[in-house]
C-alpha atoms as a PDB file:
ATOM      1  CA  MET A   1      -3.853 -23.313  -6.856  1.00  0.00           C
ATOM      2  CA  ASN A   2      -7.406 -22.013  -6.363  1.00  0.00           C
ATOM      3  CA  ASP A   3      -8.208 -18.383  -5.577  1.00  0.00           C
ATOM      4  CA  SER A   4      -7.066 -19.067  -1.822  1.00  0.00           C
ATOM      5  CA  MET A   5      -3.580 -17.313  -1.150  1.00  0.00           C
ATOM      6  CA  PRO A   6      -1.333 -18.012   1.391  1.00  0.00           C
ATOM      7  CA  GLU A   7       0.124 -14.856   3.436  1.00  0.00           C
ATOM      8  CA  THR A   8       3.474 -14.913   2.005  1.00  0.00           C
ATOM      9  CA  PRO A   9       5.169 -16.664  -1.105  1.00  0.00           C
ATOM     10  CA  SER A  10       7.802 -19.142  -0.747  1.00  0.00           C
ATOM     11  CA  GLU A  11      10.238 -21.195  -2.789  1.00  0.00           C
ATOM     12  CA  GLY A  12       8.116 -23.559  -4.994  1.00  0.00           C
ATOM     13  CA  LEU A  13       4.496 -21.536  -4.995  1.00  0.00           C
ATOM     14  CA  GLU A  14       2.634 -21.363  -8.254  1.00  0.00           C
ATOM     15  CA  VAL A  15       0.353 -18.958  -8.753  1.00  0.00           C
ATOM     16  CA  THR A  16      -2.277 -19.336 -11.416  1.00  0.00           C
ATOM     17  CA  LEU A  17      -3.768 -15.508 -12.298  1.00  0.00           C
ATOM     18  CA  THR A  18      -7.121 -14.694 -11.930  1.00  0.00           C
ATOM     19  CA  GLU A  19      -8.897 -11.571 -11.794  1.00  0.00           C
ATOM     20  CA  ALA A  20      -8.743 -12.224  -7.994  1.00  0.00           C
ATOM     21  CA  THR A  21      -5.224 -13.276  -7.636  1.00  0.00           C
ATOM     22  CA  LEU A  22      -3.413 -11.109  -9.830  1.00  0.00           C
ATOM     23  CA  PRO A  23      -2.802  -8.405  -7.761  1.00  0.00           C
ATOM     24  CA  THR A  24      -1.454  -9.991  -4.877  1.00  0.00           C
ATOM     25  CA  ALA A  25       0.864 -12.316  -7.386  1.00  0.00           C
ATOM     26  CA  LEU A  26       2.212  -9.396  -9.130  1.00  0.00           C
ATOM     27  CA  ALA A  27       3.038  -7.262  -5.850  1.00  0.00           C
ATOM     28  CA  TRP A  28       4.395 -10.623  -4.520  1.00  0.00           C
ATOM     29  CA  ALA A  29       6.719 -11.080  -7.853  1.00  0.00           C
ATOM     30  CA  HIS A  30       7.854  -7.410  -7.479  1.00  0.00           C
ATOM     31  CA  ASP A  31       8.944  -7.392  -3.715  1.00  0.00           C
ATOM     32  CA  TYR A  32      10.755 -11.218  -3.932  1.00  0.00           C
ATOM     33  CA  ARG A  33      14.200 -10.967  -4.179  1.00  0.00           C
ATOM     34  CA  GLY A  34      14.764 -13.925  -6.052  1.00  0.00           C
ATOM     35  CA  ASP A  35      13.771 -15.648  -9.360  1.00  0.00           C
ATOM     36  CA  VAL A  36      10.251 -16.143 -10.483  1.00  0.00           C
ATOM     37  CA  MET A  37       8.812 -18.152 -13.567  1.00  0.00           C
ATOM     38  CA  LEU A  38       6.605 -15.932 -15.516  1.00  0.00           C
ATOM     39  CA  ARG A  39       4.169 -17.922 -17.907  1.00  0.00           C
ATOM     40  CA  THR A  40       2.464 -16.146 -20.846  1.00  0.00           C
ATOM     41  CA  LYS A  41      -1.049 -17.592 -22.189  1.00  0.00           C
ATOM     42  CA  GLY A  42       0.872 -18.333 -24.847  1.00  0.00           C
ATOM     43  CA  GLY A  43       3.036 -20.739 -23.174  1.00  0.00           C
ATOM     44  CA  GLU A  44       6.004 -18.895 -22.940  1.00  0.00           C
ATOM     45  CA  GLN A  45       8.110 -19.112 -20.003  1.00  0.00           C
ATOM     46  CA  TYR A  46      10.587 -16.324 -18.862  1.00  0.00           C
ATOM     47  CA  VAL A  47      12.487 -16.714 -15.525  1.00  0.00           C
ATOM     48  CA  GLY A  48      14.422 -13.946 -13.730  1.00  0.00           C
ATOM     49  CA  TYR A  49      14.362 -11.276 -11.625  1.00  0.00           C
ATOM     50  CA  VAL A  50      11.227  -8.751 -11.885  1.00  0.00           C
ATOM     51  CA  PHE A  51      12.680  -5.074 -10.913  1.00  0.00           C
ATOM     52  CA  ASP A  52       9.427  -2.943 -12.206  1.00  0.00           C
ATOM     53  CA  LEU A  53       6.151  -3.395 -12.222  1.00  0.00           C
ATOM     54  CA  THR A  54       3.161  -0.770 -13.073  1.00  0.00           C
ATOM     55  CA  LYS A  55      -0.977  -1.678 -13.615  1.00  0.00           C
ATOM     56  CA  ASP A  56       0.106  -2.873 -17.171  1.00  0.00           C
ATOM     57  CA  ARG A  57       3.692  -4.349 -17.626  1.00  0.00           C
ATOM     58  CA  ILE A  58       6.463  -5.857 -15.666  1.00  0.00           C
ATOM     59  CA  ARG A  59       9.884  -5.324 -16.457  1.00  0.00           C
ATOM     60  CA  ILE A  60      12.129  -8.618 -15.848  1.00  0.00           C
ATOM     61  CA  ASP A  61      15.999  -9.075 -15.872  1.00  0.00           C
ATOM     62  CA  PRO A  62      16.344 -12.572 -17.122  1.00  0.00           C
ATOM     63  CA  ALA A  63      18.211 -15.507 -15.213  1.00  0.00           C
ATOM     64  CA  ASP A  64      19.961 -16.272 -18.436  1.00  0.00           C
ATOM     65  CA  GLY A  65      21.797 -13.058 -18.838  1.00  0.00           C
ATOM     66  CA  SER A  66      19.592 -11.902 -22.168  1.00  0.00           C
ATOM     67  CA  PRO A  67      18.432  -8.275 -21.860  1.00  0.00           C
ATOM     68  CA  ARG A  68      15.766  -7.040 -19.804  1.00  0.00           C
ATOM     69  CA  MET A  69      12.307  -7.331 -21.022  1.00  0.00           C
ATOM     70  CA  THR A  70       8.811  -6.122 -20.650  1.00  0.00           C
ATOM     71  CA  LEU A  71       5.911  -8.557 -20.400  1.00  0.00           C
ATOM     72  CA  GLN A  72       2.224  -6.780 -20.607  1.00  0.00           C
ATOM     73  CA  THR A  73       0.485  -8.571 -17.340  1.00  0.00           C
ATOM     74  CA  GLU A  74      -2.839  -9.019 -19.350  1.00  0.00           C
ATOM     75  CA  ASP A  75      -0.210 -11.522 -20.919  1.00  0.00           C
ATOM     76  CA  ILE A  76       1.103 -13.475 -18.017  1.00  0.00           C
ATOM     77  CA  ALA A  77      -0.969 -16.893 -16.941  1.00  0.00           C
ATOM     78  CA  ALA A  78       0.837 -18.021 -13.628  1.00  0.00           C
ATOM     79  CA  ILE A  79       3.670 -16.779 -11.695  1.00  0.00           C
ATOM     80  CA  THR A  80       6.218 -19.562  -9.962  1.00  0.00           C
ATOM     81  CA  PHE A  81       8.601 -18.218  -6.899  1.00  0.00           C
ATOM     82  CA  SER A  82      11.416 -20.677  -8.413  1.00  0.00           C
ATOM     83  CA  GLY A  83      14.166 -19.061  -6.961  1.00  0.00           C
ATOM     84  CA  ARG A  84      15.151 -18.782  -3.043  1.00  0.00           C
ATOM     85  CA  ASP A  85      14.345 -15.441  -1.710  1.00  0.00           C
ATOM     86  CA  MET A  86      17.341 -13.491  -0.979  1.00  0.00           C
ATOM     87  CA  ALA A  87      15.927 -11.597   1.556  1.00  0.00           C
ATOM     88  CA  ALA A  88      14.548 -14.399   3.419  1.00  0.00           C
ATOM     89  CA  GLY A  89      15.796 -15.174   7.084  1.00  0.00           C
ATOM     90  CA  LYS A  90      18.613 -13.026   8.394  1.00  0.00           C
ATOM     91  CA  SER A  91      20.667 -12.392   5.098  1.00  0.00           C
ATOM     92  CA  PHE A  92      19.032  -8.584   4.677  1.00  0.00           C
ATOM     93  CA  ASP A  93      19.368  -7.906   8.369  1.00  0.00           C
ATOM     94  CA  ARG A  94      23.019  -9.304   8.715  1.00  0.00           C
ATOM     95  CA  TRP A  95      23.854  -6.576   5.224  1.00  0.00           C
ATOM     96  CA  ILE A  96      21.811  -3.704   7.119  1.00  0.00           C
ATOM     97  CA  ASN A  97      24.471  -4.131   9.883  1.00  0.00           C
ATOM     98  CA  ARG A  98      27.225  -4.023   7.939  1.00  0.00           C
ATOM     99  CA  TYR A  99      26.139  -0.877   6.733  1.00  0.00           C
ATOM    100  CA  ILE A 100      25.864   0.562   9.675  1.00  0.00           C
ATOM    101  CA  ASP A 101      29.057  -0.618  11.172  1.00  0.00           C
ATOM    102  CA  LYS A 102      30.587   1.032   7.817  1.00  0.00           C
ATOM    103  CA  LYS A 103      29.112   4.307   8.355  1.00  0.00           C
ATOM    104  CA  LEU A 104      30.112   4.571  12.066  1.00  0.00           C
ATOM    105  CA  ALA A 105      33.411   3.657  11.272  1.00  0.00           C
ATOM    106  CA  GLY A 106      33.662   6.466   8.896  1.00  0.00           C
ATOM    107  CA  GLU A 107      34.364   4.216   5.996  1.00  0.00           C
ATOM    108  CA  GLU A 108      32.406   4.564   2.515  1.00  0.00           C
ATOM    109  CA  ALA A 109      28.941   2.472   2.745  1.00  0.00           C
ATOM    110  CA  SER A 110      27.035   2.363  -0.356  1.00  0.00           C
ATOM    111  CA  ILE A 111      23.882   0.980  -1.502  1.00  0.00           C
ATOM    112  CA  PRO A 112      24.891   0.151  -5.426  1.00  0.00           C
ATOM    113  CA  SER A 113      21.886   1.365  -7.833  1.00  0.00           C
ATOM    114  CA  ASP A 114      21.005   0.911 -11.340  1.00  0.00           C
ATOM    115  CA  ALA A 115      20.282   3.885 -13.574  1.00  0.00           C
ATOM    116  CA  GLY A 116      17.134   1.743 -15.053  1.00  0.00           C
ATOM    117  CA  ASP A 117      16.928   1.069 -18.624  1.00  0.00           C
ATOM    118  CA  ASP A 118      13.820   1.391 -21.409  1.00  0.00           C
END
């Protein structure tokens, strides 16, 4: 792929990181609600869900169940959006509607979260 970027990522999109594509591709990987494949400049590949991003590092929850890991953003050569974005389409809207319906009915509704780790 060249430095010309689509408006949003989609399953199967591969972005080779350059100075021009880096900020957008990293933000997309963080916002994407599916697995991505991160390929490092050394040739390693890591597939999983990106759950944290800073200017210098990206944290991934590997799809194979291995422990969460941190990669330096400068070491990443490409990002492939390898899994279906679970928020694509209406699934998120349906979840919100179920949450609201439970709250209005006086039932317990929650948004589970992870305490994080380092």
